[in-house]
N, C-alpha and C. Protein backbone atom coordinates (compact mmCIF):
# COMPACT_ATOMS: atom_id res chain seq x y z
N UNK A 1 20.70 -12.04 27.89
CA UNK A 1 21.03 -12.92 29.02
C UNK A 1 21.19 -12.10 30.30
N UNK A 2 20.16 -11.35 30.63
CA UNK A 2 20.22 -10.53 31.83
C UNK A 2 20.20 -11.42 33.08
N UNK A 3 20.93 -10.95 34.14
CA UNK A 3 21.01 -11.71 35.39
C UNK A 3 20.84 -10.78 36.57
N UNK A 4 20.43 -11.35 37.71
CA UNK A 4 20.34 -10.58 38.93
C UNK A 4 19.20 -9.58 38.92
N UNK A 5 19.48 -8.41 39.52
CA UNK A 5 18.45 -7.39 39.64
C UNK A 5 18.03 -6.84 38.27
N UNK A 6 18.99 -6.79 37.33
CA UNK A 6 18.66 -6.29 36.00
C UNK A 6 17.65 -7.21 35.32
N UNK A 7 17.83 -8.51 35.51
CA UNK A 7 16.87 -9.47 34.95
C UNK A 7 15.50 -9.29 35.58
N UNK A 8 15.46 -9.02 36.89
CA UNK A 8 14.17 -8.80 37.55
C UNK A 8 13.46 -7.58 37.01
N UNK A 9 14.23 -6.50 36.82
CA UNK A 9 13.63 -5.26 36.29
C UNK A 9 13.11 -5.48 34.87
N UNK A 10 13.90 -6.10 34.03
CA UNK A 10 13.46 -6.32 32.64
C UNK A 10 12.24 -7.22 32.58
N UNK A 11 12.20 -8.24 33.42
CA UNK A 11 11.02 -9.11 33.45
C UNK A 11 9.78 -8.34 33.90
N UNK A 12 9.98 -7.46 34.90
CA UNK A 12 8.85 -6.66 35.37
C UNK A 12 8.34 -5.73 34.27
N UNK A 13 9.26 -5.12 33.54
CA UNK A 13 8.86 -4.22 32.44
C UNK A 13 8.10 -5.00 31.37
N UNK A 14 8.60 -6.18 31.04
CA UNK A 14 7.93 -7.00 30.03
C UNK A 14 6.53 -7.41 30.49
N UNK A 15 6.40 -7.78 31.77
CA UNK A 15 5.10 -8.19 32.28
C UNK A 15 4.11 -7.04 32.30
N UNK A 16 4.58 -5.85 32.70
CA UNK A 16 3.71 -4.68 32.71
C UNK A 16 3.28 -4.33 31.29
N UNK A 17 4.23 -4.39 30.35
CA UNK A 17 3.90 -4.10 28.96
C UNK A 17 2.88 -5.07 28.41
N UNK A 18 3.07 -6.34 28.71
CA UNK A 18 2.12 -7.36 28.27
C UNK A 18 0.75 -7.12 28.90
N UNK A 19 0.74 -6.68 30.17
CA UNK A 19 -0.52 -6.36 30.82
C UNK A 19 -1.25 -5.21 30.15
N UNK A 20 -0.49 -4.22 29.68
CA UNK A 20 -1.10 -3.09 28.95
C UNK A 20 -1.74 -3.59 27.67
N UNK A 21 -1.05 -4.52 26.98
CA UNK A 21 -1.63 -5.08 25.76
C UNK A 21 -2.93 -5.83 26.06
N UNK A 22 -2.96 -6.55 27.18
CA UNK A 22 -4.17 -7.28 27.56
C UNK A 22 -5.31 -6.31 27.82
N UNK A 23 -5.04 -5.24 28.56
CA UNK A 23 -6.07 -4.24 28.85
C UNK A 23 -6.54 -3.59 27.56
N UNK A 24 -5.61 -3.28 26.68
CA UNK A 24 -5.98 -2.68 25.40
C UNK A 24 -6.92 -3.57 24.61
N UNK A 25 -6.62 -4.87 24.57
CA UNK A 25 -7.47 -5.80 23.83
C UNK A 25 -8.85 -5.90 24.47
N UNK A 26 -8.92 -6.00 25.79
CA UNK A 26 -10.20 -6.15 26.47
C UNK A 26 -11.07 -4.90 26.28
N UNK A 27 -10.47 -3.72 26.40
CA UNK A 27 -11.23 -2.47 26.24
C UNK A 27 -11.76 -2.37 24.82
N UNK A 28 -10.93 -2.68 23.83
CA UNK A 28 -11.39 -2.63 22.44
C UNK A 28 -12.51 -3.62 22.19
N UNK A 29 -12.40 -4.80 22.79
CA UNK A 29 -13.44 -5.82 22.62
C UNK A 29 -14.76 -5.38 23.25
N UNK A 30 -14.68 -4.76 24.41
CA UNK A 30 -15.91 -4.32 25.10
C UNK A 30 -16.57 -3.17 24.34
N UNK A 31 -15.78 -2.26 23.79
CA UNK A 31 -16.33 -1.10 23.10
C UNK A 31 -16.73 -1.38 21.67
N UNK A 32 -16.28 -2.50 21.10
CA UNK A 32 -16.54 -2.78 19.69
C UNK A 32 -18.02 -3.07 19.45
N UNK A 33 -18.51 -2.58 18.32
CA UNK A 33 -19.90 -2.85 17.89
C UNK A 33 -19.89 -3.08 16.39
N UNK A 34 -20.35 -4.22 15.91
CA UNK A 34 -20.72 -5.42 16.66
C UNK A 34 -19.50 -6.15 17.20
N UNK A 35 -19.62 -6.71 18.37
CA UNK A 35 -18.48 -7.26 19.10
C UNK A 35 -17.91 -8.51 18.43
N UNK A 36 -18.79 -9.39 17.95
CA UNK A 36 -18.30 -10.65 17.38
C UNK A 36 -17.54 -10.40 16.09
N UNK A 37 -18.00 -9.44 15.32
CA UNK A 37 -17.28 -9.13 14.09
C UNK A 37 -15.88 -8.61 14.40
N UNK A 38 -15.76 -7.75 15.39
CA UNK A 38 -14.44 -7.25 15.78
C UNK A 38 -13.57 -8.39 16.28
N UNK A 39 -14.18 -9.32 17.03
CA UNK A 39 -13.42 -10.46 17.55
C UNK A 39 -12.85 -11.30 16.41
N UNK A 40 -13.65 -11.61 15.40
CA UNK A 40 -13.17 -12.43 14.29
C UNK A 40 -12.11 -11.71 13.46
N UNK A 41 -12.20 -10.40 13.38
CA UNK A 41 -11.24 -9.64 12.59
C UNK A 41 -9.94 -9.36 13.33
N UNK A 42 -9.86 -9.69 14.61
CA UNK A 42 -8.66 -9.40 15.40
C UNK A 42 -8.19 -10.66 16.12
N UNK A 43 -8.22 -11.78 15.41
CA UNK A 43 -7.74 -13.03 16.00
C UNK A 43 -6.24 -12.98 16.24
N UNK A 44 -5.51 -12.27 15.41
CA UNK A 44 -4.06 -12.14 15.62
C UNK A 44 -3.77 -11.41 16.92
N UNK A 45 -4.55 -10.36 17.22
CA UNK A 45 -4.38 -9.65 18.50
C UNK A 45 -4.64 -10.59 19.66
N UNK A 46 -5.65 -11.43 19.54
CA UNK A 46 -5.94 -12.38 20.60
C UNK A 46 -4.79 -13.37 20.78
N UNK A 47 -4.22 -13.82 19.68
CA UNK A 47 -3.10 -14.75 19.77
C UNK A 47 -1.88 -14.09 20.41
N UNK A 48 -1.66 -12.83 20.08
CA UNK A 48 -0.51 -12.12 20.65
C UNK A 48 -0.68 -11.92 22.15
N UNK A 49 -1.92 -11.68 22.56
CA UNK A 49 -2.18 -11.51 24.00
C UNK A 49 -2.14 -12.84 24.72
N UNK A 50 -2.69 -13.88 24.09
CA UNK A 50 -2.80 -15.17 24.77
C UNK A 50 -1.49 -15.95 24.77
N UNK A 51 -0.67 -15.75 23.77
CA UNK A 51 0.60 -16.49 23.67
C UNK A 51 1.77 -15.54 23.91
N UNK A 52 2.32 -15.55 25.12
CA UNK A 52 3.44 -14.62 25.42
C UNK A 52 4.62 -14.79 24.47
N UNK A 53 4.79 -15.96 23.89
CA UNK A 53 5.92 -16.15 22.98
C UNK A 53 5.82 -15.24 21.76
N UNK A 54 4.61 -14.83 21.39
CA UNK A 54 4.43 -14.00 20.20
C UNK A 54 4.34 -12.52 20.54
N UNK A 55 4.61 -12.15 21.76
CA UNK A 55 4.51 -10.74 22.14
C UNK A 55 5.37 -9.81 21.29
N UNK A 56 6.59 -10.18 20.89
CA UNK A 56 7.37 -9.24 20.05
C UNK A 56 6.68 -8.90 18.74
N UNK A 57 5.83 -9.79 18.22
CA UNK A 57 5.17 -9.51 16.95
C UNK A 57 4.08 -8.46 17.08
N UNK A 58 3.81 -8.00 18.31
CA UNK A 58 2.81 -6.96 18.50
C UNK A 58 3.18 -5.70 17.72
N UNK A 59 4.48 -5.45 17.58
CA UNK A 59 4.92 -4.26 16.86
C UNK A 59 4.52 -4.28 15.40
N UNK A 60 4.19 -5.45 14.86
CA UNK A 60 3.80 -5.53 13.47
C UNK A 60 2.46 -4.85 13.20
N UNK A 61 1.75 -4.46 14.26
CA UNK A 61 0.51 -3.71 14.04
C UNK A 61 0.80 -2.37 13.37
N UNK A 62 2.03 -1.87 13.51
CA UNK A 62 2.37 -0.61 12.84
C UNK A 62 2.29 -0.76 11.32
N UNK A 63 2.56 -1.96 10.80
CA UNK A 63 2.43 -2.19 9.37
C UNK A 63 0.96 -2.01 8.95
N UNK A 64 0.04 -2.53 9.75
CA UNK A 64 -1.38 -2.34 9.48
C UNK A 64 -1.76 -0.87 9.56
N UNK A 65 -1.15 -0.14 10.50
CA UNK A 65 -1.43 1.29 10.61
C UNK A 65 -1.00 2.03 9.35
N UNK A 66 0.19 1.69 8.82
CA UNK A 66 0.64 2.33 7.59
C UNK A 66 -0.32 2.05 6.44
N UNK A 67 -0.82 0.82 6.35
CA UNK A 67 -1.77 0.48 5.31
C UNK A 67 -3.06 1.27 5.46
N UNK A 68 -3.55 1.40 6.70
CA UNK A 68 -4.77 2.16 6.93
C UNK A 68 -4.59 3.63 6.56
N UNK A 69 -3.44 4.20 6.90
CA UNK A 69 -3.18 5.59 6.56
C UNK A 69 -3.16 5.78 5.04
N UNK A 70 -2.58 4.83 4.33
CA UNK A 70 -2.52 4.94 2.89
C UNK A 70 -3.92 4.87 2.27
N UNK A 71 -4.79 4.02 2.81
CA UNK A 71 -6.14 3.90 2.28
C UNK A 71 -6.95 5.16 2.56
N UNK A 72 -6.76 5.75 3.75
CA UNK A 72 -7.53 6.94 4.10
C UNK A 72 -7.09 8.15 3.28
N UNK A 73 -5.79 8.33 3.15
CA UNK A 73 -5.29 9.51 2.44
C UNK A 73 -5.33 9.37 0.93
N UNK A 74 -5.40 8.15 0.42
CA UNK A 74 -5.51 7.95 -1.01
C UNK A 74 -4.23 8.38 -1.73
N UNK A 75 -4.40 9.19 -2.75
CA UNK A 75 -3.27 9.58 -3.58
C UNK A 75 -2.31 10.52 -2.85
N UNK A 76 -2.72 11.08 -1.71
CA UNK A 76 -1.84 12.00 -0.99
C UNK A 76 -0.59 11.28 -0.52
N UNK A 77 -0.70 9.99 -0.18
CA UNK A 77 0.45 9.25 0.30
C UNK A 77 1.08 8.37 -0.76
N UNK A 78 0.48 8.37 -1.97
CA UNK A 78 0.98 7.47 -2.99
C UNK A 78 2.41 7.82 -3.38
N UNK A 79 2.71 9.11 -3.39
CA UNK A 79 4.06 9.50 -3.77
C UNK A 79 5.08 9.18 -2.70
N UNK A 80 4.65 8.85 -1.49
CA UNK A 80 5.58 8.54 -0.41
C UNK A 80 5.64 7.04 -0.13
N UNK A 81 5.21 6.25 -1.09
CA UNK A 81 5.14 4.80 -0.85
C UNK A 81 6.49 4.22 -0.51
N UNK A 82 7.55 4.78 -1.08
CA UNK A 82 8.89 4.26 -0.80
C UNK A 82 9.23 4.42 0.67
N UNK A 83 8.87 5.58 1.24
CA UNK A 83 9.16 5.84 2.64
C UNK A 83 8.39 4.87 3.54
N UNK A 84 7.13 4.67 3.26
CA UNK A 84 6.30 3.81 4.11
C UNK A 84 6.70 2.35 3.98
N UNK A 85 6.99 1.92 2.78
CA UNK A 85 7.42 0.53 2.59
C UNK A 85 8.77 0.29 3.26
N UNK A 86 9.68 1.24 3.13
CA UNK A 86 10.98 1.10 3.77
C UNK A 86 10.84 1.05 5.29
N UNK A 87 9.96 1.90 5.84
CA UNK A 87 9.74 1.87 7.28
C UNK A 87 9.12 0.57 7.75
N UNK A 88 8.12 0.07 7.01
CA UNK A 88 7.48 -1.19 7.39
C UNK A 88 8.46 -2.36 7.27
N UNK A 89 9.26 -2.37 6.21
CA UNK A 89 10.24 -3.45 6.04
C UNK A 89 11.29 -3.42 7.13
N UNK A 90 11.76 -2.23 7.48
CA UNK A 90 12.76 -2.11 8.54
C UNK A 90 12.20 -2.58 9.87
N UNK A 91 10.97 -2.20 10.17
CA UNK A 91 10.34 -2.62 11.41
C UNK A 91 10.17 -4.13 11.45
N UNK A 92 9.73 -4.71 10.35
CA UNK A 92 9.53 -6.15 10.30
C UNK A 92 10.85 -6.90 10.46
N UNK A 93 11.89 -6.42 9.81
CA UNK A 93 13.20 -7.07 9.90
C UNK A 93 13.73 -7.00 11.32
N UNK A 94 13.62 -5.83 11.96
CA UNK A 94 14.14 -5.66 13.31
C UNK A 94 13.42 -6.55 14.31
N UNK A 95 12.07 -6.54 14.25
CA UNK A 95 11.30 -7.35 15.20
C UNK A 95 11.53 -8.84 14.95
N UNK A 96 11.56 -9.24 13.68
CA UNK A 96 11.78 -10.65 13.36
C UNK A 96 13.15 -11.12 13.82
N UNK A 97 14.17 -10.27 13.65
CA UNK A 97 15.51 -10.66 14.10
C UNK A 97 15.54 -10.85 15.61
N UNK A 98 14.91 -9.95 16.35
CA UNK A 98 14.87 -10.10 17.81
C UNK A 98 14.11 -11.35 18.23
N UNK A 99 12.94 -11.55 17.63
CA UNK A 99 12.13 -12.71 18.00
C UNK A 99 12.84 -14.02 17.67
N UNK A 100 13.48 -14.06 16.50
CA UNK A 100 14.17 -15.28 16.10
C UNK A 100 15.38 -15.55 16.99
N UNK A 101 16.12 -14.51 17.32
CA UNK A 101 17.28 -14.67 18.21
C UNK A 101 16.83 -15.16 19.59
N UNK A 102 15.72 -14.62 20.09
CA UNK A 102 15.24 -15.01 21.40
C UNK A 102 14.88 -16.49 21.45
N UNK A 103 14.40 -17.03 20.34
CA UNK A 103 13.99 -18.43 20.32
C UNK A 103 15.12 -19.39 19.95
N UNK A 104 16.11 -18.92 19.21
CA UNK A 104 17.07 -19.84 18.63
C UNK A 104 18.41 -19.90 19.35
N UNK A 105 18.80 -18.87 20.08
CA UNK A 105 20.18 -18.77 20.53
C UNK A 105 20.58 -19.87 21.51
N UNK A 106 19.62 -20.42 22.27
CA UNK A 106 19.96 -21.48 23.22
C UNK A 106 19.54 -22.87 22.74
N UNK A 107 19.03 -22.96 21.53
CA UNK A 107 18.58 -24.25 21.01
C UNK A 107 19.78 -25.05 20.51
N UNK A 108 19.77 -26.37 20.71
CA UNK A 108 20.87 -27.21 20.21
C UNK A 108 20.96 -27.17 18.69
N UNK A 109 22.16 -26.96 18.20
CA UNK A 109 22.37 -26.94 16.76
C UNK A 109 21.90 -25.68 16.07
N UNK A 110 21.58 -24.63 16.83
CA UNK A 110 21.08 -23.39 16.23
C UNK A 110 22.20 -22.63 15.55
N UNK A 111 21.89 -22.00 14.42
CA UNK A 111 22.87 -21.18 13.70
C UNK A 111 22.63 -19.69 13.91
N UNK A 112 21.46 -19.32 14.41
CA UNK A 112 21.15 -17.91 14.68
C UNK A 112 21.39 -17.68 16.17
N UNK A 113 22.59 -17.25 16.50
CA UNK A 113 22.98 -17.09 17.90
C UNK A 113 23.40 -15.67 18.24
N UNK A 114 23.44 -14.78 17.27
CA UNK A 114 23.77 -13.37 17.52
C UNK A 114 22.74 -12.49 16.82
N UNK A 115 22.68 -11.24 17.27
CA UNK A 115 21.73 -10.32 16.65
C UNK A 115 22.09 -10.04 15.20
N UNK A 116 23.39 -9.99 14.91
CA UNK A 116 23.82 -9.78 13.53
C UNK A 116 23.34 -10.91 12.62
N UNK A 117 23.51 -12.14 13.09
CA UNK A 117 23.03 -13.27 12.29
C UNK A 117 21.50 -13.26 12.17
N UNK A 118 20.82 -12.79 13.22
CA UNK A 118 19.37 -12.67 13.15
C UNK A 118 18.93 -11.64 12.11
N UNK A 119 19.65 -10.52 12.05
CA UNK A 119 19.33 -9.50 11.05
C UNK A 119 19.56 -10.03 9.64
N UNK A 120 20.70 -10.72 9.44
CA UNK A 120 20.99 -11.28 8.12
C UNK A 120 19.92 -12.29 7.71
N UNK A 121 19.53 -13.13 8.66
CA UNK A 121 18.49 -14.12 8.37
C UNK A 121 17.18 -13.44 8.02
N UNK A 122 16.81 -12.38 8.76
CA UNK A 122 15.55 -11.69 8.50
C UNK A 122 15.54 -11.02 7.12
N UNK A 123 16.67 -10.42 6.74
CA UNK A 123 16.75 -9.78 5.43
C UNK A 123 16.62 -10.80 4.32
N UNK A 124 17.35 -11.91 4.47
CA UNK A 124 17.30 -12.96 3.45
C UNK A 124 15.91 -13.57 3.36
N UNK A 125 15.24 -13.71 4.49
CA UNK A 125 13.92 -14.35 4.50
C UNK A 125 12.85 -13.42 3.96
N UNK A 126 12.87 -12.15 4.33
CA UNK A 126 11.82 -11.23 3.89
C UNK A 126 11.89 -10.98 2.39
N UNK A 127 13.07 -11.11 1.82
CA UNK A 127 13.22 -10.96 0.38
C UNK A 127 13.00 -12.27 -0.36
N UNK A 128 12.66 -13.33 0.37
CA UNK A 128 12.40 -14.67 -0.19
C UNK A 128 13.59 -15.20 -0.99
N UNK A 129 14.81 -14.79 -0.60
CA UNK A 129 16.00 -15.31 -1.27
C UNK A 129 16.35 -16.68 -0.73
N UNK A 130 16.50 -16.79 0.58
CA UNK A 130 16.73 -18.08 1.21
C UNK A 130 18.04 -18.74 0.83
N UNK A 131 19.16 -18.19 1.30
CA UNK A 131 20.47 -18.79 1.00
C UNK A 131 20.63 -20.14 1.69
N UNK A 132 20.04 -20.29 2.85
CA UNK A 132 20.15 -21.56 3.55
C UNK A 132 21.32 -21.63 4.51
N UNK A 133 22.12 -20.57 4.60
CA UNK A 133 23.25 -20.59 5.54
C UNK A 133 22.77 -20.45 6.98
N UNK A 134 21.66 -19.74 7.20
CA UNK A 134 21.05 -19.57 8.52
C UNK A 134 19.59 -20.00 8.43
N UNK A 135 19.15 -20.78 9.39
CA UNK A 135 17.78 -21.27 9.37
C UNK A 135 17.35 -21.62 10.79
N UNK A 136 16.04 -21.49 11.09
CA UNK A 136 15.56 -21.81 12.44
C UNK A 136 15.47 -23.33 12.64
N UNK A 137 15.71 -23.75 13.86
CA UNK A 137 15.64 -25.17 14.20
C UNK A 137 14.52 -25.46 15.19
N UNK A 138 13.90 -24.43 15.75
CA UNK A 138 12.80 -24.63 16.69
C UNK A 138 11.47 -24.41 15.99
N UNK A 139 10.41 -24.94 16.59
CA UNK A 139 9.08 -24.80 16.00
C UNK A 139 8.62 -23.34 16.00
N UNK A 140 8.84 -22.66 17.11
CA UNK A 140 8.45 -21.26 17.18
C UNK A 140 9.27 -20.43 16.20
N UNK A 141 10.55 -20.76 16.05
CA UNK A 141 11.39 -20.06 15.08
C UNK A 141 10.87 -20.23 13.67
N UNK A 142 10.38 -21.41 13.35
CA UNK A 142 9.82 -21.64 12.01
C UNK A 142 8.52 -20.85 11.82
N UNK A 143 7.72 -20.75 12.88
CA UNK A 143 6.51 -19.94 12.78
C UNK A 143 6.84 -18.46 12.52
N UNK A 144 7.88 -17.98 13.20
CA UNK A 144 8.33 -16.61 12.96
C UNK A 144 8.80 -16.45 11.52
N UNK A 145 9.49 -17.46 11.00
CA UNK A 145 9.96 -17.42 9.61
C UNK A 145 8.78 -17.33 8.65
N UNK A 146 7.72 -18.09 8.93
CA UNK A 146 6.53 -18.03 8.07
C UNK A 146 5.93 -16.62 8.09
N UNK A 147 5.86 -16.03 9.27
CA UNK A 147 5.31 -14.68 9.38
C UNK A 147 6.15 -13.68 8.60
N UNK A 148 7.47 -13.83 8.65
CA UNK A 148 8.36 -12.92 7.91
C UNK A 148 8.16 -13.10 6.41
N UNK A 149 8.04 -14.35 5.96
CA UNK A 149 7.81 -14.59 4.53
C UNK A 149 6.51 -13.94 4.07
N UNK A 150 5.44 -14.15 4.83
CA UNK A 150 4.16 -13.55 4.46
C UNK A 150 4.24 -12.02 4.48
N UNK A 151 4.96 -11.49 5.46
CA UNK A 151 5.13 -10.04 5.51
C UNK A 151 5.87 -9.51 4.30
N UNK A 152 6.91 -10.22 3.86
CA UNK A 152 7.65 -9.81 2.68
C UNK A 152 6.77 -9.83 1.44
N UNK A 153 5.96 -10.88 1.29
CA UNK A 153 5.06 -10.94 0.14
C UNK A 153 4.05 -9.81 0.19
N UNK A 154 3.54 -9.50 1.40
CA UNK A 154 2.57 -8.41 1.53
C UNK A 154 3.20 -7.07 1.16
N UNK A 155 4.45 -6.84 1.56
CA UNK A 155 5.10 -5.58 1.21
C UNK A 155 5.30 -5.47 -0.30
N UNK A 156 5.68 -6.56 -0.92
CA UNK A 156 5.83 -6.54 -2.39
C UNK A 156 4.48 -6.26 -3.04
N UNK A 157 3.41 -6.85 -2.48
CA UNK A 157 2.08 -6.59 -3.02
C UNK A 157 1.68 -5.13 -2.89
N UNK A 158 2.04 -4.50 -1.76
CA UNK A 158 1.71 -3.09 -1.57
C UNK A 158 2.44 -2.23 -2.60
N UNK A 159 3.71 -2.52 -2.82
CA UNK A 159 4.48 -1.76 -3.81
C UNK A 159 3.88 -1.94 -5.20
N UNK A 160 3.59 -3.19 -5.56
CA UNK A 160 3.04 -3.46 -6.88
C UNK A 160 1.69 -2.79 -7.08
N UNK A 161 0.81 -2.90 -6.08
CA UNK A 161 -0.51 -2.30 -6.20
C UNK A 161 -0.42 -0.78 -6.29
N UNK A 162 0.45 -0.17 -5.50
CA UNK A 162 0.59 1.28 -5.55
C UNK A 162 1.14 1.74 -6.88
N UNK A 163 2.14 1.02 -7.39
CA UNK A 163 2.71 1.39 -8.68
C UNK A 163 1.67 1.22 -9.80
N UNK A 164 0.91 0.13 -9.75
CA UNK A 164 -0.12 -0.08 -10.76
C UNK A 164 -1.19 0.99 -10.68
N UNK A 165 -1.59 1.37 -9.47
CA UNK A 165 -2.58 2.42 -9.30
C UNK A 165 -2.07 3.75 -9.85
N UNK A 166 -0.80 4.03 -9.62
CA UNK A 166 -0.23 5.28 -10.12
C UNK A 166 -0.20 5.29 -11.65
N UNK A 167 0.17 4.15 -12.25
CA UNK A 167 0.21 4.07 -13.71
C UNK A 167 -1.18 4.25 -14.30
N UNK A 168 -2.17 3.57 -13.71
CA UNK A 168 -3.54 3.70 -14.20
C UNK A 168 -4.02 5.14 -14.09
N UNK A 169 -3.70 5.79 -12.99
CA UNK A 169 -4.10 7.18 -12.80
C UNK A 169 -3.47 8.09 -13.84
N UNK A 170 -2.17 7.89 -14.10
CA UNK A 170 -1.49 8.71 -15.10
C UNK A 170 -2.07 8.49 -16.49
N UNK A 171 -2.34 7.24 -16.84
CA UNK A 171 -2.92 6.95 -18.16
C UNK A 171 -4.31 7.57 -18.27
N UNK A 172 -5.10 7.49 -17.20
CA UNK A 172 -6.44 8.09 -17.22
C UNK A 172 -6.36 9.60 -17.38
N UNK A 173 -5.41 10.25 -16.71
CA UNK A 173 -5.25 11.68 -16.84
C UNK A 173 -4.85 12.06 -18.26
N UNK A 174 -3.96 11.27 -18.86
CA UNK A 174 -3.53 11.55 -20.23
C UNK A 174 -4.68 11.37 -21.21
N UNK A 175 -5.46 10.30 -21.03
CA UNK A 175 -6.62 10.07 -21.90
C UNK A 175 -7.63 11.20 -21.77
N UNK A 176 -7.85 11.65 -20.55
CA UNK A 176 -8.80 12.74 -20.32
C UNK A 176 -8.35 14.02 -21.01
N UNK A 177 -7.04 14.33 -20.90
CA UNK A 177 -6.53 15.53 -21.56
C UNK A 177 -6.63 15.42 -23.08
N UNK A 178 -6.34 14.23 -23.61
CA UNK A 178 -6.44 14.05 -25.06
C UNK A 178 -7.90 14.15 -25.52
N UNK A 179 -8.82 13.58 -24.76
CA UNK A 179 -10.23 13.68 -25.12
C UNK A 179 -10.72 15.11 -25.05
N UNK A 180 -10.24 15.87 -24.05
CA UNK A 180 -10.64 17.27 -23.94
C UNK A 180 -10.12 18.06 -25.15
N UNK A 181 -8.86 17.78 -25.55
CA UNK A 181 -8.31 18.46 -26.72
C UNK A 181 -9.09 18.11 -27.98
N UNK A 182 -9.47 16.85 -28.12
CA UNK A 182 -10.24 16.42 -29.29
C UNK A 182 -11.60 17.09 -29.32
N UNK A 183 -12.26 17.15 -28.17
CA UNK A 183 -13.57 17.82 -28.11
C UNK A 183 -13.43 19.30 -28.45
N UNK A 184 -12.36 19.92 -28.00
CA UNK A 184 -12.16 21.34 -28.30
C UNK A 184 -11.94 21.55 -29.80
N UNK A 185 -11.16 20.68 -30.43
CA UNK A 185 -10.93 20.79 -31.87
C UNK A 185 -12.21 20.56 -32.66
N UNK A 186 -13.01 19.59 -32.25
CA UNK A 186 -14.28 19.33 -32.93
C UNK A 186 -15.21 20.54 -32.82
N UNK A 187 -15.24 21.16 -31.64
CA UNK A 187 -16.08 22.34 -31.46
C UNK A 187 -15.61 23.49 -32.34
N UNK A 188 -14.28 23.68 -32.45
CA UNK A 188 -13.76 24.73 -33.32
C UNK A 188 -14.10 24.48 -34.78
N UNK A 189 -13.98 23.22 -35.22
CA UNK A 189 -14.33 22.88 -36.60
C UNK A 189 -15.81 23.10 -36.85
N UNK A 190 -16.65 22.76 -35.88
CA UNK A 190 -18.09 22.98 -36.03
C UNK A 190 -18.39 24.47 -36.16
N UNK A 191 -17.72 25.30 -35.38
CA UNK A 191 -17.93 26.76 -35.48
C UNK A 191 -17.50 27.27 -36.85
N UNK A 192 -16.39 26.78 -37.37
CA UNK A 192 -15.92 27.21 -38.68
C UNK A 192 -16.91 26.79 -39.77
N UNK A 193 -17.44 25.57 -39.67
CA UNK A 193 -18.41 25.09 -40.66
C UNK A 193 -19.67 25.95 -40.63
N UNK A 194 -20.16 26.27 -39.44
CA UNK A 194 -21.34 27.12 -39.34
C UNK A 194 -21.08 28.51 -39.92
N UNK A 195 -19.90 29.06 -39.60
CA UNK A 195 -19.57 30.38 -40.15
C UNK A 195 -19.48 30.35 -41.67
N UNK A 196 -18.89 29.32 -42.24
CA UNK A 196 -18.78 29.20 -43.69
C UNK A 196 -20.15 29.02 -44.33
N UNK A 197 -21.03 28.22 -43.71
CA UNK A 197 -22.37 28.02 -44.23
C UNK A 197 -23.16 29.33 -44.20
N UNK A 198 -23.01 30.08 -43.10
CA UNK A 198 -23.70 31.36 -43.00
C UNK A 198 -23.21 32.32 -44.08
N UNK A 199 -21.91 32.30 -44.32
CA UNK A 199 -21.35 33.19 -45.35
C UNK A 199 -21.87 32.83 -46.73
N UNK A 200 -21.94 31.55 -47.05
CA UNK A 200 -22.45 31.12 -48.34
C UNK A 200 -23.91 31.46 -48.50
N UNK A 201 -24.70 31.24 -47.49
CA UNK A 201 -26.12 31.58 -47.56
C UNK A 201 -26.34 33.07 -47.74
N UNK A 202 -25.54 33.88 -47.05
CA UNK A 202 -25.65 35.33 -47.18
C UNK A 202 -25.32 35.78 -48.60
N UNK A 203 -24.30 35.19 -49.21
CA UNK A 203 -23.93 35.57 -50.57
C UNK A 203 -24.97 35.16 -51.59
N UNK A 204 -25.65 34.03 -51.34
CA UNK A 204 -26.63 33.54 -52.32
C UNK A 204 -27.91 34.35 -52.29
N UNK A 205 -28.32 34.84 -51.13
CA UNK A 205 -29.59 35.56 -51.01
C UNK A 205 -29.46 37.07 -51.06
N UNK A 206 -28.38 37.60 -50.67
CA UNK A 206 -28.24 39.06 -50.60
C UNK A 206 -27.48 39.66 -51.76
N UNK A 207 -26.94 38.90 -52.69
CA UNK A 207 -26.18 39.46 -53.80
C UNK A 207 -27.08 39.91 -54.93
N UNK A 208 -26.54 40.74 -55.87
CA UNK A 208 -27.32 41.25 -57.01
C UNK A 208 -27.57 40.14 -58.02
N UNK A 209 -28.82 40.09 -58.54
CA UNK A 209 -29.20 39.09 -59.54
C UNK A 209 -29.17 39.73 -60.92
N UNK A 210 -28.41 39.22 -61.87
CA UNK A 210 -28.32 39.86 -63.20
C UNK A 210 -29.66 39.81 -63.94
N UNK A 211 -30.01 40.93 -64.60
CA UNK A 211 -31.27 41.03 -65.38
C UNK A 211 -30.93 41.28 -66.83
N UNK A 212 -31.88 40.93 -67.75
CA UNK A 212 -31.67 41.10 -69.19
C UNK A 212 -32.86 41.83 -69.77
N UNK A 213 -32.63 42.66 -70.79
CA UNK A 213 -33.75 43.37 -71.40
C UNK A 213 -34.79 42.42 -71.96
N UNK A 214 -36.04 42.92 -72.03
CA UNK A 214 -37.14 42.07 -72.46
C UNK A 214 -37.04 41.76 -73.95
N UNK A 215 -37.16 40.54 -74.29
CA UNK A 215 -37.08 40.12 -75.68
C UNK A 215 -35.71 39.84 -76.16
N UNK A 216 -34.72 39.95 -75.32
CA UNK A 216 -33.35 39.65 -75.73
C UNK A 216 -32.92 38.34 -75.12
N UNK A 217 -31.96 37.77 -75.75
CA UNK A 217 -31.46 36.51 -75.27
C UNK A 217 -30.03 36.70 -74.79
N UNK A 218 -29.75 36.32 -73.63
CA UNK A 218 -28.36 36.51 -73.12
C UNK A 218 -27.40 35.66 -73.91
N UNK A 219 -26.23 36.21 -74.12
CA UNK A 219 -25.16 35.44 -74.76
C UNK A 219 -24.67 34.37 -73.83
N UNK A 220 -24.41 33.22 -74.39
CA UNK A 220 -23.89 32.12 -73.59
C UNK A 220 -22.40 32.12 -73.73
């Protein structure tokens, strides 16, 4: 609830920041090839630029950045999934609490009127618990709630997918080591069989053959 000169300064900062976002979107659109494909894949960016009410959600692009980094680095970041998920969840909760408070605090019958209540609501919503003690009463507040719910489900999906990928990788490594050990044992057994066969053949052909005098019959 800024007033006076402080309100003027904060409004100017917000307008300049929003202008930077607009320039960023236009430059990316002009440089994109093919342009229409980039446009269809960045409809959320267009909505954030076109609808000033959604400007706080611009920070959620950092969640996409974390996902992109994880895909590029592969298993290098898999062991740090807890850090990245915690950072993305904290960012989502903080931005959602601010956005919800901005929309709800002056609405008639609103229950989210402080930043603390906004944080509590964001935590409850992102975890899909939904106690019902705090809830949005405005249309924009409900849209923000939907975004938080979807973000929470996406974070759970990232954790589940990363954990499943790690388990599959570990099982594959174990299977590979067991198969290598089995192949090594089979090769050793084959070498022993060949050595034993060679020894038997050598004894059968190179040993002395008993002879008997002519006209005599060997004793049985």
